[in-house]
Amino acid sequence: MAVKIRLARAGAKKAPFYRVIAADGRSARDGRFLEILGRYNPRSEPSSIELDLAKVDAWISKGAQPTEAAGKLIAIARGEKTVPAKVARVSKKVASKAEADKKATADAKEKAKTEKRVAAEAPVEEAVAEAEETPNEEAPAEEAVAEAEVVAEEAPVEEAAAEEAAVEEAAAEEASAEEAPVEEAAADAEPDAE
């Protein structure tokens, strides 16, 4: 008789727990067994493994062969292996929504940077244009540089206001993106390839 150390399923539908048993290899999975060696409950957090290692060793010394699953449980009970960590699964819908949110925030940041750059360059260009238009004044270049510096000092205040407006726009876009279905967000993000 070929004795196997294996798992026998017990418990309700979709709520299993297992007995670690020594059984004849020809008997059914949940059928007749020789001895119960322990229990395994994968549904508890963390999974509970209760094995009588003395009984397991006794059956192995008599020639019993553990199955792959039972062998892993025996190794974990002896401390040879660690219990594998459960990986949190994320649904496709949640993943695509998170990706769309990241893309929207990145676009808002990029837009704010370009507006900031444009706002910083515009006052200097205006000051240089005014300096070129008034050639009759004394030392126009010095005055233009001084005016450009004054305008540049005032620009950060305007930039801060522009940044706040950009952040508010980004927040409004995110709120509308959360309300809109994922399909519409994906359609807006990708232009038609027709």
C-alpha atoms as a PDB file:
ATOM      1  CA  MET A   1       0.000   0.000   0.000  1.00  0.00           C
ATOM      2  CA  ALA A   2       1.410   3.421  -1.075  1.00  0.00           C
ATOM      3  CA  VAL A   3       0.733   5.880   1.735  1.00  0.00           C
ATOM      4  CA  LYS A   4       0.496   9.573   0.886  1.00  0.00           C
ATOM      5  CA  ILE A   5       0.488  12.581   3.186  1.00  0.00           C
ATOM      6  CA  ARG A   6      -1.983  14.939   1.554  1.00  0.00           C
ATOM      7  CA  LEU A   7      -4.740  17.488   2.106  1.00  0.00           C
ATOM      8  CA  ALA A   8      -8.392  16.529   2.514  1.00  0.00           C
ATOM      9  CA  ARG A   9     -10.847  19.366   1.919  1.00  0.00           C
ATOM     10  CA  ALA A  10     -13.516  20.143   4.475  1.00  0.00           C
ATOM     11  CA  GLY A  11     -15.740  23.129   5.199  1.00  0.00           C
ATOM     12  CA  ALA A  12     -18.604  24.828   3.426  1.00  0.00           C
ATOM     13  CA  LYS A  13     -18.911  25.928  -0.165  1.00  0.00           C
ATOM     14  CA  LYS A  14     -16.336  28.650  -0.938  1.00  0.00           C
ATOM     15  CA  ALA A  15     -15.068  28.449   2.662  1.00  0.00           C
ATOM     16  CA  PRO A  16     -12.573  25.588   2.712  1.00  0.00           C
ATOM     17  CA  PHE A  17     -10.228  24.368   5.385  1.00  0.00           C
ATOM     18  CA  TYR A  18      -8.054  21.314   5.040  1.00  0.00           C
ATOM     19  CA  ARG A  19      -6.967  18.344   7.112  1.00  0.00           C
ATOM     20  CA  VAL A  20      -3.446  17.059   6.616  1.00  0.00           C
ATOM     21  CA  ILE A  21      -3.905  13.293   6.536  1.00  0.00           C
ATOM     22  CA  ALA A  22      -2.039  10.077   5.935  1.00  0.00           C
ATOM     23  CA  ALA A  23      -4.075   8.027   3.463  1.00  0.00           C
ATOM     24  CA  ASP A  24      -3.769   5.239   0.931  1.00  0.00           C
ATOM     25  CA  GLY A  25      -2.823   6.771  -2.428  1.00  0.00           C
ATOM     26  CA  ARG A  26      -5.705   4.947  -4.129  1.00  0.00           C
ATOM     27  CA  SER A  27      -8.450   6.353  -1.877  1.00  0.00           C
ATOM     28  CA  ALA A  28     -10.508   9.427  -2.788  1.00  0.00           C
ATOM     29  CA  ARG A  29      -9.353  12.926  -1.839  1.00  0.00           C
ATOM     30  CA  ASP A  30     -11.937  13.328   0.911  1.00  0.00           C
ATOM     31  CA  GLY A  31     -12.408   9.605   1.443  1.00  0.00           C
ATOM     32  CA  ARG A  32     -10.990   7.061   3.797  1.00  0.00           C
ATOM     33  CA  PHE A  33      -7.771   7.966   5.639  1.00  0.00           C
ATOM     34  CA  LEU A  34      -5.412   6.339   8.118  1.00  0.00           C
ATOM     35  CA  GLU A  35      -4.672   9.240  10.469  1.00  0.00           C
ATOM     36  CA  ILE A  36      -5.177  13.013  10.811  1.00  0.00           C
ATOM     37  CA  LEU A  37      -1.791  14.712  11.123  1.00  0.00           C
ATOM     38  CA  GLY A  38      -2.912  18.340  11.350  1.00  0.00           C
ATOM     39  CA  ARG A  39      -5.062  21.162   9.981  1.00  0.00           C
ATOM     40  CA  TYR A  40      -4.595  24.033   7.547  1.00  0.00           C
ATOM     41  CA  ASN A  41      -6.911  27.037   7.232  1.00  0.00           C
ATOM     42  CA  PRO A  42      -6.016  29.313   4.292  1.00  0.00           C
ATOM     43  CA  ARG A  43      -8.913  31.698   5.001  1.00  0.00           C
ATOM     44  CA  SER A  44      -7.640  32.996   8.341  1.00  0.00           C
ATOM     45  CA  GLU A  45      -5.289  35.983   8.376  1.00  0.00           C
ATOM     46  CA  PRO A  46      -2.492  34.862   8.456  1.00  0.00           C
ATOM     47  CA  SER A  47      -3.112  31.308   7.267  1.00  0.00           C
ATOM     48  CA  SER A  48      -3.037  28.886  10.193  1.00  0.00           C
ATOM     49  CA  ILE A  49      -1.077  25.650  10.011  1.00  0.00           C
ATOM     50  CA  GLU A  50      -1.342  23.139  12.868  1.00  0.00           C
ATOM     51  CA  LEU A  51       0.744  19.993  12.332  1.00  0.00           C
ATOM     52  CA  ASP A  52       1.883  17.249  14.674  1.00  0.00           C
ATOM     53  CA  LEU A  53       5.418  16.995  13.329  1.00  0.00           C
ATOM     54  CA  ALA A  54       6.156  13.861  15.374  1.00  0.00           C
ATOM     55  CA  LYS A  55       3.332  12.013  13.582  1.00  0.00           C
ATOM     56  CA  VAL A  56       4.469  13.415  10.216  1.00  0.00           C
ATOM     57  CA  ASP A  57       8.024  12.204  10.821  1.00  0.00           C
ATOM     58  CA  ALA A  58       6.731   8.798  11.919  1.00  0.00           C
ATOM     59  CA  TRP A  59       4.745   8.364   8.693  1.00  0.00           C
ATOM     60  CA  ILE A  60       7.633   9.603   6.533  1.00  0.00           C
ATOM     61  CA  SER A  61       9.955   7.084   8.251  1.00  0.00           C
ATOM     62  CA  LYS A  62       7.411   4.351   7.355  1.00  0.00           C
ATOM     63  CA  GLY A  63       7.649   5.376   3.655  1.00  0.00           C
ATOM     64  CA  ALA A  64       4.783   7.836   3.240  1.00  0.00           C
ATOM     65  CA  GLN A  65       5.301  10.380   0.459  1.00  0.00           C
ATOM     66  CA  PRO A  66       4.021  13.944   1.025  1.00  0.00           C
ATOM     67  CA  THR A  67       2.279  15.601  -1.922  1.00  0.00           C
ATOM     68  CA  GLU A  68       3.576  18.943  -3.184  1.00  0.00           C
ATOM     69  CA  ALA A  69       1.075  21.019  -1.174  1.00  0.00           C
ATOM     70  CA  ALA A  70       1.536  18.927   1.982  1.00  0.00           C
ATOM     71  CA  GLY A  71       5.311  19.127   1.588  1.00  0.00           C
ATOM     72  CA  LYS A  72       5.162  22.936   1.486  1.00  0.00           C
ATOM     73  CA  LEU A  73       2.988  23.024   4.615  1.00  0.00           C
ATOM     74  CA  ILE A  74       5.377  20.671   6.441  1.00  0.00           C
ATOM     75  CA  ALA A  75       8.350  22.873   5.478  1.00  0.00           C
ATOM     76  CA  ILE A  76       6.531  25.995   6.717  1.00  0.00           C
ATOM     77  CA  ALA A  77       5.610  24.259  10.014  1.00  0.00           C
ATOM     78  CA  ARG A  78       9.259  23.231  10.531  1.00  0.00           C
ATOM     79  CA  GLY A  79      10.430  26.784   9.798  1.00  0.00           C
ATOM     80  CA  GLU A  80      12.361  25.812   6.659  1.00  0.00           C
ATOM     81  CA  LYS A  81      10.147  28.040   4.513  1.00  0.00           C
ATOM     82  CA  THR A  82       8.253  31.249   5.125  1.00  0.00           C
ATOM     83  CA  VAL A  83       4.575  31.769   4.444  1.00  0.00           C
ATOM     84  CA  PRO A  84       4.225  33.555   1.101  1.00  0.00           C
ATOM     85  CA  ALA A  85       2.826  37.072   1.434  1.00  0.00           C
ATOM     86  CA  LYS A  86      -0.531  37.744  -0.142  1.00  0.00           C
ATOM     87  CA  VAL A  87      -0.361  40.196  -3.000  1.00  0.00           C
ATOM     88  CA  ALA A  88      -3.063  42.831  -3.071  1.00  0.00           C
ATOM     89  CA  ARG A  89      -4.779  42.623  -6.430  1.00  0.00           C
ATOM     90  CA  VAL A  90      -6.028  45.764  -8.105  1.00  0.00           C
ATOM     91  CA  SER A  91      -8.877  45.562 -10.584  1.00  0.00           C
ATOM     92  CA  LYS A  92      -8.371  46.830 -14.121  1.00  0.00           C
ATOM     93  CA  LYS A  93     -10.954  49.542 -13.588  1.00  0.00           C
ATOM     94  CA  VAL A  94      -9.212  50.942 -10.503  1.00  0.00           C
ATOM     95  CA  ALA A  95      -5.799  50.704 -12.172  1.00  0.00           C
ATOM     96  CA  SER A  96      -6.959  52.602 -15.277  1.00  0.00           C
ATOM     97  CA  LYS A  97      -8.611  55.252 -13.110  1.00  0.00           C
ATOM     98  CA  ALA A  98      -5.402  55.733 -11.102  1.00  0.00           C
ATOM     99  CA  GLU A  99      -3.399  55.963 -14.320  1.00  0.00           C
ATOM    100  CA  ALA A 100      -5.787  58.589 -15.711  1.00  0.00           C
ATOM    101  CA  ASP A 101      -5.511  60.603 -12.485  1.00  0.00           C
ATOM    102  CA  LYS A 102      -1.693  60.502 -12.658  1.00  0.00           C
ATOM    103  CA  LYS A 103      -1.783  61.623 -16.270  1.00  0.00           C
ATOM    104  CA  ALA A 104      -4.186  64.480 -15.460  1.00  0.00           C
ATOM    105  CA  THR A 105      -1.997  65.758 -12.617  1.00  0.00           C
ATOM    106  CA  ALA A 106       1.128  65.503 -14.788  1.00  0.00           C
ATOM    107  CA  ASP A 107      -0.623  67.468 -17.556  1.00  0.00           C
ATOM    108  CA  ALA A 108      -1.752  70.114 -15.056  1.00  0.00           C
ATOM    109  CA  LYS A 109       1.794  70.483 -13.713  1.00  0.00           C
ATOM    110  CA  GLU A 110       3.201  70.762 -17.229  1.00  0.00           C
ATOM    111  CA  LYS A 111       0.596  73.381 -18.127  1.00  0.00           C
ATOM    112  CA  ALA A 112       1.393  75.379 -14.967  1.00  0.00           C
ATOM    113  CA  LYS A 113       5.130  75.305 -15.781  1.00  0.00           C
ATOM    114  CA  THR A 114       4.593  76.570 -19.319  1.00  0.00           C
ATOM    115  CA  GLU A 115       2.260  79.332 -18.100  1.00  0.00           C
ATOM    116  CA  LYS A 116       4.830  80.310 -15.484  1.00  0.00           C
ATOM    117  CA  ARG A 117       7.595  80.431 -18.098  1.00  0.00           C
ATOM    118  CA  VAL A 118       5.461  82.502 -20.463  1.00  0.00           C
ATOM    119  CA  ALA A 119       4.447  84.881 -17.663  1.00  0.00           C
ATOM    120  CA  ALA A 120       8.090  85.379 -16.640  1.00  0.00           C
ATOM    121  CA  GLU A 121       9.267  86.089 -20.209  1.00  0.00           C
ATOM    122  CA  ALA A 122       6.430  88.451 -21.160  1.00  0.00           C
ATOM    123  CA  PRO A 123       7.307  91.398 -18.791  1.00  0.00           C
ATOM    124  CA  VAL A 124      10.959  91.387 -19.875  1.00  0.00           C
ATOM    125  CA  GLU A 125       9.986  91.402 -23.552  1.00  0.00           C
ATOM    126  CA  GLU A 126       7.507  94.254 -22.960  1.00  0.00           C
ATOM    127  CA  ALA A 127      10.164  96.319 -21.166  1.00  0.00           C
ATOM    128  CA  VAL A 128      12.639  95.790 -24.016  1.00  0.00           C
ATOM    129  CA  ALA A 129       9.953  96.738 -26.589  1.00  0.00           C
ATOM    130  CA  GLU A 130       9.134  99.937 -24.648  1.00  0.00           C
ATOM    131  CA  ALA A 131      12.816 100.822 -24.498  1.00  0.00           C
ATOM    132  CA  GLU A 132      13.138 100.497 -28.263  1.00  0.00           C
ATOM    133  CA  GLU A 133      10.051 102.691 -28.843  1.00  0.00           C
ATOM    134  CA  THR A 134      11.377 105.619 -26.795  1.00  0.00           C
ATOM    135  CA  PRO A 135      14.799 106.508 -28.291  1.00  0.00           C
ATOM    136  CA  ASN A 136      14.542 110.262 -27.383  1.00  0.00           C
ATOM    137  CA  GLU A 137      14.945 109.737 -23.637  1.00  0.00           C
ATOM    138  CA  GLU A 138      18.282 109.987 -21.889  1.00  0.00           C
ATOM    139  CA  ALA A 139      19.917 106.612 -21.131  1.00  0.00           C
ATOM    140  CA  PRO A 140      17.003 104.463 -22.342  1.00  0.00           C
ATOM    141  CA  ALA A 141      18.920 101.202 -21.953  1.00  0.00           C
ATOM    142  CA  GLU A 142      19.560 101.778 -18.259  1.00  0.00           C
ATOM    143  CA  GLU A 143      15.924 102.710 -17.645  1.00  0.00           C
ATOM    144  CA  ALA A 144      14.681  99.678 -19.600  1.00  0.00           C
ATOM    145  CA  VAL A 145      16.870  97.364 -17.552  1.00  0.00           C
ATOM    146  CA  ALA A 146      15.670  98.995 -14.325  1.00  0.00           C
ATOM    147  CA  GLU A 147      12.028  98.731 -15.448  1.00  0.00           C
ATOM    148  CA  ALA A 148      12.560  95.098 -16.466  1.00  0.00           C
ATOM    149  CA  GLU A 149      13.962  94.321 -13.014  1.00  0.00           C
ATOM    150  CA  VAL A 150      10.992  96.024 -11.308  1.00  0.00           C
ATOM    151  CA  VAL A 151       8.554  94.141 -13.550  1.00  0.00           C
ATOM    152  CA  ALA A 152      10.434  90.881 -12.925  1.00  0.00           C
ATOM    153  CA  GLU A 153      10.167  91.454  -9.167  1.00  0.00           C
ATOM    154  CA  GLU A 154       6.411  91.948  -9.532  1.00  0.00           C
ATOM    155  CA  ALA A 155       6.103  88.869 -11.765  1.00  0.00           C
ATOM    156  CA  PRO A 156       6.424  86.280  -8.943  1.00  0.00           C
ATOM    157  CA  VAL A 157       3.258  87.690  -7.366  1.00  0.00           C
ATOM    158  CA  GLU A 158       1.468  87.260 -10.680  1.00  0.00           C
ATOM    159  CA  GLU A 159       3.048  83.817 -11.129  1.00  0.00           C
ATOM    160  CA  ALA A 160       1.766  82.724  -7.720  1.00  0.00           C
ATOM    161  CA  ALA A 161      -1.738  83.779  -8.721  1.00  0.00           C
ATOM    162  CA  ALA A 162      -1.344  81.947 -12.043  1.00  0.00           C
ATOM    163  CA  GLU A 163      -0.154  78.815 -10.217  1.00  0.00           C
ATOM    164  CA  GLU A 164      -3.136  78.945  -7.863  1.00  0.00           C
ATOM    165  CA  ALA A 165      -5.464  79.246 -10.839  1.00  0.00           C
ATOM    166  CA  ALA A 166      -3.734  76.282 -12.525  1.00  0.00           C
ATOM    167  CA  VAL A 167      -4.087  74.175  -9.361  1.00  0.00           C
ATOM    168  CA  GLU A 168      -7.779  75.060  -9.141  1.00  0.00           C
ATOM    169  CA  GLU A 169      -8.247  74.114 -12.806  1.00  0.00           C
ATOM    170  CA  ALA A 170      -6.440  70.806 -12.227  1.00  0.00           C
ATOM    171  CA  ALA A 171      -8.677  70.063  -9.239  1.00  0.00           C
ATOM    172  CA  ALA A 172     -11.767  70.833 -11.311  1.00  0.00           C
ATOM    173  CA  GLU A 173     -10.507  68.564 -14.110  1.00  0.00           C
ATOM    174  CA  GLU A 174      -9.852  65.722 -11.637  1.00  0.00           C
ATOM    175  CA  ALA A 175     -13.319  66.087 -10.126  1.00  0.00           C
ATOM    176  CA  SER A 176     -14.910  65.932 -13.561  1.00  0.00           C
ATOM    177  CA  ALA A 177     -12.691  62.974 -14.473  1.00  0.00           C
ATOM    178  CA  GLU A 178     -13.853  61.085 -11.385  1.00  0.00           C
ATOM    179  CA  GLU A 179     -17.491  61.683 -12.283  1.00  0.00           C
ATOM    180  CA  ALA A 180     -17.073  60.684 -15.938  1.00  0.00           C
ATOM    181  CA  PRO A 181     -16.984  56.980 -16.856  1.00  0.00           C
ATOM    182  CA  VAL A 182     -13.596  55.386 -17.414  1.00  0.00           C
ATOM    183  CA  GLU A 183     -14.347  54.807 -21.114  1.00  0.00           C
ATOM    184  CA  GLU A 184     -14.927  58.509 -21.720  1.00  0.00           C
ATOM    185  CA  ALA A 185     -11.716  59.408 -19.896  1.00  0.00           C
ATOM    186  CA  ALA A 186      -9.777  56.923 -22.010  1.00  0.00           C
ATOM    187  CA  ALA A 187     -11.398  58.279 -25.195  1.00  0.00           C
ATOM    188  CA  ASP A 188     -10.464  61.862 -24.235  1.00  0.00           C
ATOM    189  CA  ALA A 189      -6.888  60.873 -23.410  1.00  0.00           C
ATOM    190  CA  GLU A 190      -6.276  59.088 -26.727  1.00  0.00           C
ATOM    191  CA  PRO A 191      -7.034  60.926 -29.983  1.00  0.00           C
ATOM    192  CA  ASP A 192      -8.861  58.973 -32.708  1.00  0.00           C
ATOM    193  CA  ALA A 193      -6.487  57.229 -35.117  1.00  0.00           C
ATOM    194  CA  GLU A 194      -8.800  57.467 -38.103  1.00  0.00           C
END
